């Protein structure tokens, strides 16, 4: 009763290797990316990326809209033509995404609104 399946030769992987790799490069939230795009639109100059050995392509090939690093310029340019990138650009050009403050107010954790003062002492 129970035990190993007789026809399975390879041990079933319980944890996805893909998720481990994804968690290595944590992505910024939509509101943070939107804020950076607003800074660039207001006239702040884009800083050159510092060299980082841990990132793909030494951190030099970066897509601000998608918050992704690429191994070389060709891969980054191919990403710019992709459907995923175009959707992301369209999303970032729309209304501002929700922020943490919006979430807290919706949950009732924000500042209380007691209405206007009726009498002042």
PDB file of N, CA and C in Angstrom:
ATOM      1  N   UNK A   1       0.824  -1.170   0.000  1.00  0.00           N
ATOM      2  CA  UNK A   1       0.000   0.000   0.000  1.00  0.00           C
ATOM      3  C   UNK A   1       0.880   1.249   0.000  1.00  0.00           C
ATOM      4  N   UNK A   2       0.552   2.176  -0.868  1.00  0.00           N
ATOM      5  CA  UNK A   2       1.307   3.420  -0.919  1.00  0.00           C
ATOM      6  C   UNK A   2       2.696   3.208  -1.477  1.00  0.00           C
ATOM      7  N   UNK A   3       3.568   4.108  -1.216  1.00  0.00           N
ATOM      8  CA  UNK A   3       4.945   3.987  -1.682  1.00  0.00           C
ATOM      9  C   UNK A   3       5.140   4.591  -3.053  1.00  0.00           C
ATOM     10  N   UNK A   4       6.229   4.181  -3.669  1.00  0.00           N
ATOM     11  CA  UNK A   4       6.628   4.744  -4.949  1.00  0.00           C
ATOM     12  C   UNK A   4       5.861   4.118  -6.104  1.00  0.00           C
ATOM     13  N   UNK A   5       5.537   4.909  -7.095  1.00  0.00           N
ATOM     14  CA  UNK A   5       4.846   4.419  -8.276  1.00  0.00           C
ATOM     15  C   UNK A   5       5.833   3.578  -9.089  1.00  0.00           C
ATOM     16  N   UNK A   6       5.489   2.350  -9.458  1.00  0.00           N
ATOM     17  CA  UNK A   6       6.475   1.466 -10.114  1.00  0.00           C
ATOM     18  C   UNK A   6       6.916   1.939 -11.503  1.00  0.00           C
ATOM     19  N   UNK A   7       6.077   2.670 -12.226  1.00  0.00           N
ATOM     20  CA  UNK A   7       6.462   3.069 -13.578  1.00  0.00           C
ATOM     21  C   UNK A   7       7.117   4.452 -13.628  1.00  0.00           C
ATOM     22  N   UNK A   8       7.222   5.128 -12.522  1.00  0.00           N
ATOM     23  CA  UNK A   8       7.873   6.442 -12.515  1.00  0.00           C
ATOM     24  C   UNK A   8       9.349   6.265 -12.228  1.00  0.00           C
ATOM     25  N   UNK A   9      10.178   6.674 -13.183  1.00  0.00           N
ATOM     26  CA  UNK A   9      11.614   6.519 -13.030  1.00  0.00           C
ATOM     27  C   UNK A   9      12.278   7.769 -12.452  1.00  0.00           C
ATOM     28  N   UNK A  10      11.658   8.919 -12.701  1.00  0.00           N
ATOM     29  CA  UNK A  10      12.237  10.168 -12.240  1.00  0.00           C
ATOM     30  C   UNK A  10      11.448  10.662 -11.033  1.00  0.00           C
ATOM     31  N   UNK A  11      12.179  11.104 -10.024  1.00  0.00           N
ATOM     32  CA  UNK A  11      11.526  11.622  -8.836  1.00  0.00           C
ATOM     33  C   UNK A  11      10.793  12.910  -9.185  1.00  0.00           C
ATOM     34  N   UNK A  12       9.558  13.021  -8.723  1.00  0.00           N
ATOM     35  CA  UNK A  12       8.755  14.208  -9.003  1.00  0.00           C
ATOM     36  C   UNK A  12       9.329  15.393  -8.247  1.00  0.00           C
ATOM     37  N   UNK A  13       9.519  16.501  -8.942  1.00  0.00           N
ATOM     38  CA  UNK A  13      10.039  17.706  -8.313  1.00  0.00           C
ATOM     39  C   UNK A  13       8.898  18.448  -7.647  1.00  0.00           C
ATOM     40  N   UNK A  14       9.009  18.642  -6.377  1.00  0.00           N
ATOM     41  CA  UNK A  14       7.947  19.299  -5.625  1.00  0.00           C
ATOM     42  C   UNK A  14       8.006  20.810  -5.749  1.00  0.00           C
ATOM     43  N   UNK A  15       9.199  21.371  -5.896  1.00  0.00           N
ATOM     44  CA  UNK A  15       9.349  22.816  -5.965  1.00  0.00           C
ATOM     45  C   UNK A  15       9.827  23.214  -7.350  1.00  0.00           C
ATOM     46  N   UNK A  16       9.256  24.268  -7.850  1.00  0.00           N
ATOM     47  CA  UNK A  16       9.600  24.722  -9.188  1.00  0.00           C
ATOM     48  C   UNK A  16      10.948  25.444  -9.169  1.00  0.00           C
ATOM     49  N   UNK A  17      11.807  25.085 -10.072  1.00  0.00           N
ATOM     50  CA  UNK A  17      13.092  25.755 -10.189  1.00  0.00           C
ATOM     51  C   UNK A  17      12.918  27.143 -10.798  1.00  0.00           C
ATOM     52  N   UNK A  18      11.853  27.301 -11.579  1.00  0.00           N
ATOM     53  CA  UNK A  18      11.593  28.572 -12.221  1.00  0.00           C
ATOM     54  C   UNK A  18      11.270  29.648 -11.182  1.00  0.00           C
ATOM     55  N   UNK A  19      10.498  29.274 -10.160  1.00  0.00           N
ATOM     56  CA  UNK A  19      10.140  30.260  -9.144  1.00  0.00           C
ATOM     57  C   UNK A  19      11.365  30.671  -8.332  1.00  0.00           C
ATOM     58  N   UNK A  20      12.288  29.748  -8.099  1.00  0.00           N
ATOM     59  CA  UNK A  20      13.515  30.109  -7.399  1.00  0.00           C
ATOM     60  C   UNK A  20      14.306  31.122  -8.211  1.00  0.00           C
ATOM     61  N   UNK A  21      14.365  30.921  -9.507  1.00  0.00           N
ATOM     62  CA  UNK A  21      15.115  31.833 -10.361  1.00  0.00           C
ATOM     63  C   UNK A  21      14.430  33.202 -10.408  1.00  0.00           C
ATOM     64  N   UNK A  22      13.099  33.221 -10.465  1.00  0.00           N
ATOM     65  CA  UNK A  22      12.372  34.478 -10.512  1.00  0.00           C
ATOM     66  C   UNK A  22      12.567  35.286  -9.234  1.00  0.00           C
ATOM     67  N   UNK A  23      12.594  34.586  -8.103  1.00  0.00           N
ATOM     68  CA  UNK A  23      12.728  35.309  -6.842  1.00  0.00           C
ATOM     69  C   UNK A  23      14.121  35.915  -6.688  1.00  0.00           C
ATOM     70  N   UNK A  24      15.075  35.444  -7.497  1.00  0.00           N
ATOM     71  CA  UNK A  24      16.423  36.007  -7.444  1.00  0.00           C
ATOM     72  C   UNK A  24      16.416  37.461  -7.910  1.00  0.00           C
ATOM     73  N   UNK A  25      15.594  37.766  -8.921  1.00  0.00           N
ATOM     74  CA  UNK A  25      15.479  39.122  -9.443  1.00  0.00           C
ATOM     75  C   UNK A  25      14.104  39.656  -9.063  1.00  0.00           C
ATOM     76  N   UNK A  26      14.004  40.267  -7.905  1.00  0.00           N
ATOM     77  CA  UNK A  26      12.719  40.774  -7.446  1.00  0.00           C
ATOM     78  C   UNK A  26      12.302  41.983  -8.282  1.00  0.00           C
ATOM     79  N   UNK A  27      11.050  41.994  -8.680  1.00  0.00           N
ATOM     80  CA  UNK A  27      10.531  43.071  -9.513  1.00  0.00           C
ATOM     81  C   UNK A  27       9.925  44.156  -8.636  1.00  0.00           C
ATOM     82  N   UNK A  28       9.997  45.367  -9.114  1.00  0.00           N
ATOM     83  CA  UNK A  28       9.369  46.488  -8.412  1.00  0.00           C
ATOM     84  C   UNK A  28       7.876  46.454  -8.683  1.00  0.00           C
ATOM     85  N   UNK A  29       7.130  47.071  -7.793  1.00  0.00           N
ATOM     86  CA  UNK A  29       5.694  47.164  -7.981  1.00  0.00           C
ATOM     87  C   UNK A  29       5.351  48.163  -9.066  1.00  0.00           C
ATOM     88  N   UNK A  30       4.117  48.091  -9.550  1.00  0.00           N
ATOM     89  CA  UNK A  30       3.664  48.990 -10.607  1.00  0.00           C
ATOM     90  C   UNK A  30       3.748  50.450 -10.174  1.00  0.00           C
ATOM     91  N   UNK A  31       3.420  50.724  -8.903  1.00  0.00           N
ATOM     92  CA  UNK A  31       3.437  52.103  -8.452  1.00  0.00           C
ATOM     93  C   UNK A  31       4.856  52.667  -8.402  1.00  0.00           C
ATOM     94  N   UNK A  32       5.848  51.838  -8.080  1.00  0.00           N
ATOM     95  CA  UNK A  32       7.234  52.307  -8.049  1.00  0.00           C
ATOM     96  C   UNK A  32       7.751  52.598  -9.459  1.00  0.00           C
ATOM     97  N   UNK A  33       7.419  51.713 -10.405  1.00  0.00           N
ATOM     98  CA  UNK A  33       7.834  51.922 -11.796  1.00  0.00           C
ATOM     99  C   UNK A  33       7.158  53.175 -12.347  1.00  0.00           C
ATOM    100  N   UNK A  34       5.883  53.353 -12.027  1.00  0.00           N
ATOM    101  CA  UNK A  34       5.140  54.530 -12.488  1.00  0.00           C
ATOM    102  C   UNK A  34       5.778  55.806 -11.940  1.00  0.00           C
ATOM    103  N   UNK A  35       6.201  55.771 -10.688  1.00  0.00           N
ATOM    104  CA  UNK A  35       6.861  56.928 -10.081  1.00  0.00           C
ATOM    105  C   UNK A  35       8.173  57.267 -10.775  1.00  0.00           C
ATOM    106  N   UNK A  36       8.952  56.244 -11.130  1.00  0.00           N
ATOM    107  CA  UNK A  36      10.208  56.499 -11.845  1.00  0.00           C
ATOM    108  C   UNK A  36       9.958  57.079 -13.226  1.00  0.00           C
ATOM    109  N   UNK A  37       8.917  56.601 -13.890  1.00  0.00           N
ATOM    110  CA  UNK A  37       8.584  57.137 -15.205  1.00  0.00           C
ATOM    111  C   UNK A  37       8.147  58.599 -15.106  1.00  0.00           C
ATOM    112  N   UNK A  38       7.423  58.948 -14.037  1.00  0.00           N
ATOM    113  CA  UNK A  38       7.018  60.339 -13.844  1.00  0.00           C
ATOM    114  C   UNK A  38       8.230  61.236 -13.610  1.00  0.00           C
ATOM    115  N   UNK A  39       9.215  60.747 -12.864  1.00  0.00           N
ATOM    116  CA  UNK A  39      10.434  61.531 -12.626  1.00  0.00           C
ATOM    117  C   UNK A  39      11.158  61.813 -13.943  1.00  0.00           C
ATOM    118  N   UNK A  40      11.224  60.797 -14.805  1.00  0.00           N
ATOM    119  CA  UNK A  40      11.878  60.990 -16.106  1.00  0.00           C
ATOM    120  C   UNK A  40      11.086  61.961 -16.975  1.00  0.00           C
ATOM    121  N   UNK A  41       9.761  61.907 -16.885  1.00  0.00           N
ATOM    122  CA  UNK A  41       8.938  62.795 -17.698  1.00  0.00           C
ATOM    123  C   UNK A  41       9.046  64.244 -17.229  1.00  0.00           C
ATOM    124  N   UNK A  42       9.292  64.446 -15.932  1.00  0.00           N
ATOM    125  CA  UNK A  42       9.398  65.799 -15.401  1.00  0.00           C
ATOM    126  C   UNK A  42      10.719  66.462 -15.760  1.00  0.00           C
ATOM    127  N   UNK A  43      11.653  65.715 -16.277  1.00  0.00           N
ATOM    128  CA  UNK A  43      12.908  66.321 -16.703  1.00  0.00           C
ATOM    129  C   UNK A  43      14.130  65.802 -15.976  1.00  0.00           C
ATOM    130  N   UNK A  44      13.954  64.903 -15.032  1.00  0.00           N
ATOM    131  CA  UNK A  44      15.119  64.339 -14.362  1.00  0.00           C
ATOM    132  C   UNK A  44      15.887  63.481 -15.363  1.00  0.00           C
ATOM    133  N   UNK A  45      17.190  63.628 -15.367  1.00  0.00           N
ATOM    134  CA  UNK A  45      17.991  62.895 -16.344  1.00  0.00           C
ATOM    135  C   UNK A  45      18.165  61.448 -15.918  1.00  0.00           C
ATOM    136  N   UNK A  46      18.211  60.564 -16.911  1.00  0.00           N
ATOM    137  CA  UNK A  46      18.433  59.145 -16.638  1.00  0.00           C
ATOM    138  C   UNK A  46      19.901  58.934 -16.284  1.00  0.00           C
ATOM    139  N   UNK A  47      20.120  58.286 -15.147  1.00  0.00           N
ATOM    140  CA  UNK A  47      21.495  58.031 -14.714  1.00  0.00           C
ATOM    141  C   UNK A  47      22.024  56.794 -15.432  1.00  0.00           C
ATOM    142  N   UNK A  48      23.315  56.765 -15.750  1.00  0.00           N
ATOM    143  CA  UNK A  48      23.869  55.530 -16.315  1.00  0.00           C
ATOM    144  C   UNK A  48      23.861  54.439 -15.255  1.00  0.00           C
ATOM    145  N   UNK A  49      23.560  53.228 -15.681  1.00  0.00           N
ATOM    146  CA  UNK A  49      23.489  52.105 -14.753  1.00  0.00           C
ATOM    147  C   UNK A  49      24.880  51.738 -14.252  1.00  0.00           C
ATOM    148  N   UNK A  50      25.052  51.513 -12.949  1.00  0.00           N
ATOM    149  CA  UNK A  50      26.362  51.074 -12.452  1.00  0.00           C
ATOM    150  C   UNK A  50      26.613  49.619 -12.837  1.00  0.00           C
ATOM    151  N   UNK A  51      27.875  49.245 -12.971  1.00  0.00           N
ATOM    152  CA  UNK A  51      28.211  47.858 -13.295  1.00  0.00           C
ATOM    153  C   UNK A  51      27.905  46.970 -12.099  1.00  0.00           C
ATOM    154  N   UNK A  52      27.191  45.877 -12.345  1.00  0.00           N
ATOM    155  CA  UNK A  52      26.844  44.932 -11.291  1.00  0.00           C
ATOM    156  C   UNK A  52      27.035  43.528 -11.837  1.00  0.00           C
ATOM    157  N   UNK A  53      27.961  42.783 -11.271  1.00  0.00           N
ATOM    158  CA  UNK A  53      28.285  41.452 -11.779  1.00  0.00           C
ATOM    159  C   UNK A  53      27.170  40.446 -11.557  1.00  0.00           C
ATOM    160  N   UNK A  54      26.289  40.706 -10.596  1.00  0.00           N
ATOM    161  CA  UNK A  54      25.226  39.752 -10.289  1.00  0.00           C
ATOM    162  C   UNK A  54      24.060  39.827 -11.261  1.00  0.00           C
ATOM    163  N   UNK A  55      23.940  40.912 -11.996  1.00  0.00           N
ATOM    164  CA  UNK A  55      22.819  41.081 -12.915  1.00  0.00           C
ATOM    165  C   UNK A  55      23.212  40.637 -14.322  1.00  0.00           C
ATOM    166  N   UNK A  56      22.231  40.214 -15.131  1.00  0.00           N
ATOM    167  CA  UNK A  56      22.532  39.851 -16.516  1.00  0.00           C
ATOM    168  C   UNK A  56      23.076  41.044 -17.287  1.00  0.00           C
ATOM    169  N   UNK A  57      24.093  40.817 -18.088  1.00  0.00           N
ATOM    170  CA  UNK A  57      24.684  41.884 -18.900  1.00  0.00           C
ATOM    171  C   UNK A  57      25.335  42.959 -18.060  1.00  0.00           C
ATOM    172  N   UNK A  58      25.790  42.601 -16.860  1.00  0.00           N
ATOM    173  CA  UNK A  58      26.444  43.534 -15.934  1.00  0.00           C
ATOM    174  C   UNK A  58      25.521  44.704 -15.571  1.00  0.00           C
ATOM    175  N   UNK A  59      24.203  44.532 -15.732  1.00  0.00           N
ATOM    176  CA  UNK A  59      23.246  45.565 -15.355  1.00  0.00           C
ATOM    177  C   UNK A  59      23.170  46.734 -16.314  1.00  0.00           C
ATOM    178  N   UNK A  60      23.702  46.586 -17.536  1.00  0.00           N
ATOM    179  CA  UNK A  60      23.746  47.707 -18.474  1.00  0.00           C
ATOM    180  C   UNK A  60      22.540  47.764 -19.410  1.00  0.00           C
ATOM    181  N   UNK A  61      21.842  46.663 -19.582  1.00  0.00           N
ATOM    182  CA  UNK A  61      20.729  46.606 -20.535  1.00  0.00           C
ATOM    183  C   UNK A  61      19.443  46.410 -19.737  1.00  0.00           C
ATOM    184  N   UNK A  62      18.704  47.508 -19.525  1.00  0.00           N
ATOM    185  CA  UNK A  62      17.582  47.533 -18.595  1.00  0.00           C
ATOM    186  C   UNK A  62      16.348  48.106 -19.267  1.00  0.00           C
ATOM    187  N   UNK A  63      15.208  47.513 -18.999  1.00  0.00           N
ATOM    188  CA  UNK A  63      13.923  48.033 -19.469  1.00  0.00           C
ATOM    189  C   UNK A  63      13.213  48.629 -18.263  1.00  0.00           C
ATOM    190  N   UNK A  64      13.015  49.941 -18.269  1.00  0.00           N
ATOM    191  CA  UNK A  64      12.421  50.630 -17.134  1.00  0.00           C
ATOM    192  C   UNK A  64      10.949  50.268 -16.952  1.00  0.00           C
ATOM    193  N   UNK A  65      10.217  50.122 -18.043  1.00  0.00           N
ATOM    194  CA  UNK A  65       8.789  49.818 -17.945  1.00  0.00           C
ATOM    195  C   UNK A  65       8.536  48.446 -17.321  1.00  0.00           C
ATOM    196  N   UNK A  66       9.327  47.464 -17.712  1.00  0.00           N
ATOM    197  CA  UNK A  66       9.114  46.089 -17.244  1.00  0.00           C
ATOM    198  C   UNK A  66       9.993  45.731 -16.051  1.00  0.00           C
ATOM    199  N   UNK A  67      10.950  46.593 -15.693  1.00  0.00           N
ATOM    200  CA  UNK A  67      11.887  46.354 -14.596  1.00  0.00           C
ATOM    201  C   UNK A  67      12.640  45.039 -14.805  1.00  0.00           C
ATOM    202  N   UNK A  68      13.245  44.909 -15.986  1.00  0.00           N
ATOM    203  CA  UNK A  68      13.995  43.691 -16.324  1.00  0.00           C
ATOM    204  C   UNK A  68      15.367  44.054 -16.867  1.00  0.00           C
ATOM    205  N   UNK A  69      16.330  43.178 -16.581  1.00  0.00           N
ATOM    206  CA  UNK A  69      17.679  43.314 -17.104  1.00  0.00           C
ATOM    207  C   UNK A  69      17.881  42.258 -18.187  1.00  0.00           C
ATOM    208  N   UNK A  70      18.711  42.587 -19.177  1.00  0.00           N
ATOM    209  CA  UNK A  70      18.940  41.679 -20.296  1.00  0.00           C
ATOM    210  C   UNK A  70      20.420  41.453 -20.498  1.00  0.00           C
ATOM    211  N   UNK A  71      20.758  40.337 -21.139  1.00  0.00           N
ATOM    212  CA  UNK A  71      22.154  39.936 -21.303  1.00  0.00           C
ATOM    213  C   UNK A  71      22.897  40.829 -22.294  1.00  0.00           C
ATOM    214  N   UNK A  72      22.232  41.263 -23.346  1.00  0.00           N
ATOM    215  CA  UNK A  72      22.896  42.144 -24.316  1.00  0.00           C
ATOM    216  C   UNK A  72      21.859  43.037 -25.000  1.00  0.00           C
ATOM    217  N   UNK A  73      22.357  43.909 -25.862  1.00  0.00           N
ATOM    218  CA  UNK A  73      21.492  44.896 -26.507  1.00  0.00           C
ATOM    219  C   UNK A  73      20.490  44.253 -27.462  1.00  0.00           C
ATOM    220  N   UNK A  74      20.914  43.191 -28.160  1.00  0.00           N
ATOM    221  CA  UNK A  74      20.014  42.536 -29.112  1.00  0.00           C
ATOM    222  C   UNK A  74      18.794  41.937 -28.411  1.00  0.00           C
ATOM    223  N   UNK A  75      19.015  41.306 -27.272  1.00  0.00           N
ATOM    224  CA  UNK A  75      17.905  40.706 -26.530  1.00  0.00           C
ATOM    225  C   UNK A  75      16.975  41.789 -26.003  1.00  0.00           C
ATOM    226  N   UNK A  76      17.563  42.903 -25.535  1.00  0.00           N
ATOM    227  CA  UNK A  76      16.739  44.004 -25.044  1.00  0.00           C
ATOM    228  C   UNK A  76      15.900  44.600 -26.174  1.00  0.00           C
ATOM    229  N   UNK A  77      16.507  44.792 -27.349  1.00  0.00           N
ATOM    230  CA  UNK A  77      15.759  45.342 -28.475  1.00  0.00           C
ATOM    231  C   UNK A  77      14.657  44.388 -28.934  1.00  0.00           C
ATOM    232  N   UNK A  78      14.910  43.091 -28.849  1.00  0.00           N
ATOM    233  CA  UNK A  78      13.882  42.107 -29.193  1.00  0.00           C
ATOM    234  C   UNK A  78      12.728  42.193 -28.183  1.00  0.00           C
ATOM    235  N   UNK A  79      13.081  42.421 -26.920  1.00  0.00           N
ATOM    236  CA  UNK A  79      12.056  42.581 -25.879  1.00  0.00           C
ATOM    237  C   UNK A  79      11.205  43.817 -26.157  1.00  0.00           C
ATOM    238  N   UNK A  80      11.815  44.893 -26.627  1.00  0.00           N
ATOM    239  CA  UNK A  80      11.068  46.121 -26.925  1.00  0.00           C
ATOM    240  C   UNK A  80      10.008  45.881 -28.000  1.00  0.00           C
ATOM    241  N   UNK A  81      10.216  44.919 -28.875  1.00  0.00           N
ATOM    242  CA  UNK A  81       9.249  44.618 -29.929  1.00  0.00           C
ATOM    243  C   UNK A  81       8.207  43.586 -29.491  1.00  0.00           C
ATOM    244  N   UNK A  82       8.343  43.053 -28.283  1.00  0.00           N
ATOM    245  CA  UNK A  82       7.448  41.977 -27.846  1.00  0.00           C
ATOM    246  C   UNK A  82       6.088  42.525 -27.410  1.00  0.00           C
ATOM    247  N   UNK A  83       5.117  41.627 -27.392  1.00  0.00           N
ATOM    248  CA  UNK A  83       3.759  41.981 -27.009  1.00  0.00           C
ATOM    249  C   UNK A  83       3.699  42.328 -25.513  1.00  0.00           C
ATOM    250  N   UNK A  84       4.451  41.604 -24.703  1.00  0.00           N
ATOM    251  CA  UNK A  84       4.452  41.840 -23.263  1.00  0.00           C
ATOM    252  C   UNK A  84       4.926  43.263 -22.935  1.00  0.00           C
ATOM    253  N   UNK A  85       5.988  43.703 -23.611  1.00  0.00           N
ATOM    254  CA  UNK A  85       6.519  45.037 -23.361  1.00  0.00           C
ATOM    255  C   UNK A  85       5.523  46.108 -23.826  1.00  0.00           C
ATOM    256  N   UNK A  86       4.924  45.905 -24.985  1.00  0.00           N
ATOM    257  CA  UNK A  86       3.984  46.895 -25.507  1.00  0.00           C
ATOM    258  C   UNK A  86       2.761  47.039 -24.600  1.00  0.00           C
ATOM    259  N   UNK A  87       2.293  45.913 -24.031  1.00  0.00           N
ATOM    260  CA  UNK A  87       1.175  45.972 -23.099  1.00  0.00           C
ATOM    261  C   UNK A  87       1.557  46.734 -21.841  1.00  0.00           C
ATOM    262  N   UNK A  88       2.788  46.487 -21.388  1.00  0.00           N
ATOM    263  CA  UNK A  88       3.260  47.142 -20.170  1.00  0.00           C
ATOM    264  C   UNK A  88       3.389  48.658 -20.374  1.00  0.00           C
ATOM    265  N   UNK A  89       3.892  49.072 -21.538  1.00  0.00           N
ATOM    266  CA  UNK A  89       4.015  50.502 -21.837  1.00  0.00           C
ATOM    267  C   UNK A  89       2.633  51.145 -21.873  1.00  0.00           C
ATOM    268  N   UNK A  90       1.684  50.458 -22.483  1.00  0.00           N
ATOM    269  CA  UNK A  90       0.315  50.982 -22.559  1.00  0.00           C
ATOM    270  C   UNK A  90      -0.297  51.093 -21.163  1.00  0.00           C
ATOM    271  N   UNK A  91      -0.014  50.113 -20.309  1.00  0.00           N
ATOM    272  CA  UNK A  91      -0.524  50.130 -18.942  1.00  0.00           C
ATOM    273  C   UNK A  91       0.068  51.298 -18.150  1.00  0.00           C
ATOM    274  N   UNK A  92       1.359  51.558 -18.353  1.00  0.00           N
ATOM    275  CA  UNK A  92       2.014  52.635 -17.618  1.00  0.00           C
ATOM    276  C   UNK A  92       1.618  54.022 -18.128  1.00  0.00           C
ATOM    277  N   UNK A  93       1.125  54.126 -19.370  1.00  0.00           N
ATOM    278  CA  UNK A  93       0.687  55.407 -19.907  1.00  0.00           C
ATOM    279  C   UNK A  93      -0.742  55.736 -19.481  1.00  0.00           C
ATOM    280  N   UNK A  94      -1.443  54.777 -18.894  1.00  0.00           N
ATOM    281  CA  UNK A  94      -2.821  54.984 -18.467  1.00  0.00           C
ATOM    282  C   UNK A  94      -2.886  55.655 -17.107  1.00  0.00           C
ATOM    283  N   UNK A  95      -3.971  55.422 -16.378  1.00  0.00           N
ATOM    284  CA  UNK A  95      -4.108  56.040 -15.052  1.00  0.00           C
ATOM    285  C   UNK A  95      -3.087  55.470 -14.077  1.00  0.00           C
ATOM    286  N   UNK A  96      -2.809  56.218 -13.029  1.00  0.00           N
ATOM    287  CA  UNK A  96      -1.815  55.807 -12.039  1.00  0.00           C
ATOM    288  C   UNK A  96      -2.271  54.522 -11.338  1.00  0.00           C
ATOM    289  N   UNK A  97      -1.365  53.583 -11.128  1.00  0.00           N
ATOM    290  CA  UNK A  97      -1.737  52.353 -10.419  1.00  0.00           C
ATOM    291  C   UNK A  97      -1.981  52.646  -8.936  1.00  0.00           C
ATOM    292  N   UNK A  98      -2.625  51.710  -8.277  1.00  0.00           N
ATOM    293  CA  UNK A  98      -2.924  51.880  -6.858  1.00  0.00           C
ATOM    294  C   UNK A  98      -1.645  51.854  -6.039  1.00  0.00           C
ATOM    295  N   UNK A  99      -1.615  52.634  -4.992  1.00  0.00           N
ATOM    296  CA  UNK A  99      -0.453  52.698  -4.114  1.00  0.00           C
ATOM    297  C   UNK A  99      -0.771  51.997  -2.803  1.00  0.00           C
ATOM    298  N   UNK A 100       0.229  51.890  -1.945  1.00  0.00           N
ATOM    299  CA  UNK A 100       0.033  51.274  -0.642  1.00  0.00           C
ATOM    300  C   UNK A 100      -0.959  52.087   0.191  1.00  0.00           C
ATOM    301  N   UNK A 101      -0.917  53.401   0.058  1.00  0.00           N
ATOM    302  CA  UNK A 101      -1.855  54.255   0.794  1.00  0.00           C
ATOM    303  C   UNK A 101      -3.296  53.966   0.381  1.00  0.00           C
ATOM    304  N   UNK A 102      -3.529  53.762  -0.913  1.00  0.00           N
ATOM    305  CA  UNK A 102      -4.876  53.424  -1.396  1.00  0.00           C
ATOM    306  C   UNK A 102      -5.348  52.109  -0.777  1.00  0.00           C
ATOM    307  N   UNK A 103      -4.458  51.138  -0.705  1.00  0.00           N
ATOM    308  CA  UNK A 103      -4.822  49.836  -0.144  1.00  0.00           C
ATOM    309  C   UNK A 103      -5.168  49.955   1.338  1.00  0.00           C
ATOM    310  N   UNK A 104      -4.384  50.750   2.064  1.00  0.00           N
ATOM    311  CA  UNK A 104      -4.654  50.914   3.493  1.00  0.00           C
ATOM    312  C   UNK A 104      -5.971  51.649   3.731  1.00  0.00           C
ATOM    313  N   UNK A 105      -6.250  52.658   2.919  1.00  0.00           N
ATOM    314  CA  UNK A 105      -7.517  53.377   3.066  1.00  0.00           C
ATOM    315  C   UNK A 105      -8.703  52.476   2.745  1.00  0.00           C
ATOM    316  N   UNK A 106      -8.565  51.620   1.753  1.00  0.00           N
ATOM    317  CA  UNK A 106      -9.651  50.714   1.392  1.00  0.00           C
ATOM    318  C   UNK A 106      -9.897  49.681   2.491  1.00  0.00           C
ATOM    319  N   UNK A 107      -8.844  49.323   3.218  1.00  0.00           N
ATOM    320  CA  UNK A 107      -8.983  48.343   4.295  1.00  0.00           C
ATOM    321  C   UNK A 107      -9.424  48.988   5.597  1.00  0.00           C
ATOM    322  N   UNK A 108      -9.563  50.305   5.605  1.00  0.00           N
ATOM    323  CA  UNK A 108      -9.981  50.993   6.815  1.00  0.00           C
ATOM    324  C   UNK A 108      -8.840  51.256   7.776  1.00  0.00           C
ATOM    325  N   UNK A 109      -7.599  51.207   7.287  1.00  0.00           N
ATOM    326  CA  UNK A 109      -6.438  51.402   8.159  1.00  0.00           C
ATOM    327  C   UNK A 109      -5.875  52.808   8.054  1.00  0.00           C
ATOM    328  N   UNK A 110      -6.458  53.642   7.230  1.00  0.00           N
ATOM    329  CA  UNK A 110      -5.924  54.985   7.032  1.00  0.00           C
ATOM    330  C   UNK A 110      -6.382  55.935   8.123  1.00  0.00           C
ATOM    331  N   UNK A 111      -6.174  57.213   7.890  1.00  0.00           N
ATOM    332  CA  UNK A 111      -6.584  58.234   8.851  1.00  0.00           C
ATOM    333  C   UNK A 111      -8.112  58.267   8.932  1.00  0.00           C
ATOM    334  N   UNK A 112      -8.657  58.402  10.124  1.00  0.00           N
ATOM    335  CA  UNK A 112     -10.130  58.417  10.246  1.00  0.00           C
ATOM    336  C   UNK A 112     -10.692  59.732   9.723  1.00  0.00           C
ATOM    337  N   UNK A 113     -11.829  59.633   9.090  1.00  0.00           N
ATOM    338  CA  UNK A 113     -12.534  60.809   8.603  1.00  0.00           C
ATOM    339  C   UNK A 113     -13.785  60.977   9.463  1.00  0.00           C
ATOM    340  N   UNK A 114     -13.716  61.873  10.432  1.00  0.00           N
ATOM    341  CA  UNK A 114     -14.838  62.056  11.355  1.00  0.00           C
ATOM    342  C   UNK A 114     -15.789  63.145  10.899  1.00  0.00           C
ATOM    343  N   UNK A 115     -15.580  63.693   9.740  1.00  0.00           N
ATOM    344  CA  UNK A 115     -16.460  64.728   9.236  1.00  0.00           C
ATOM    345  C   UNK A 115     -16.060  66.095   9.743  1.00  0.00           C
ATOM    346  N   UNK A 116     -16.785  67.136   9.351  1.00  0.00           N
ATOM    347  CA  UNK A 116     -16.434  68.497   9.794  1.00  0.00           C
ATOM    348  C   UNK A 116     -16.749  68.707  11.271  1.00  0.00           C
ATOM    349  N   UNK A 117     -15.973  69.577  11.884  1.00  0.00           N
ATOM    350  CA  UNK A 117     -16.215  69.908  13.283  1.00  0.00           C
ATOM    351  C   UNK A 117     -17.479  70.767  13.378  1.00  0.00           C
ATOM    352  N   UNK A 118     -18.331  70.426  14.326  1.00  0.00           N
ATOM    353  CA  UNK A 118     -19.581  71.161  14.480  1.00  0.00           C
ATOM    354  C   UNK A 118     -19.426  72.336  15.444  1.00  0.00           C
ATOM    355  N   UNK A 119     -18.699  72.095  16.504  1.00  0.00           N
ATOM    356  CA  UNK A 119     -18.509  73.165  17.483  1.00  0.00           C
ATOM    357  C   UNK A 119     -17.037  73.249  17.836  1.00  0.00           C
ATOM    358  N   UNK A 120     -16.551  74.458  17.931  1.00  0.00           N
ATOM    359  CA  UNK A 120     -15.158  74.613  18.362  1.00  0.00           C
ATOM    360  C   UNK A 120     -15.150  75.168  19.779  1.00  0.00           C
ATOM    361  N   UNK A 121     -14.273  74.684  20.654  1.00  0.00           N
ATOM    362  CA  UNK A 121     -14.297  75.142  22.054  1.00  0.00           C
ATOM    363  C   UNK A 121     -13.779  76.525  22.255  1.00  0.00           C
TER     364      UNK A 121
END
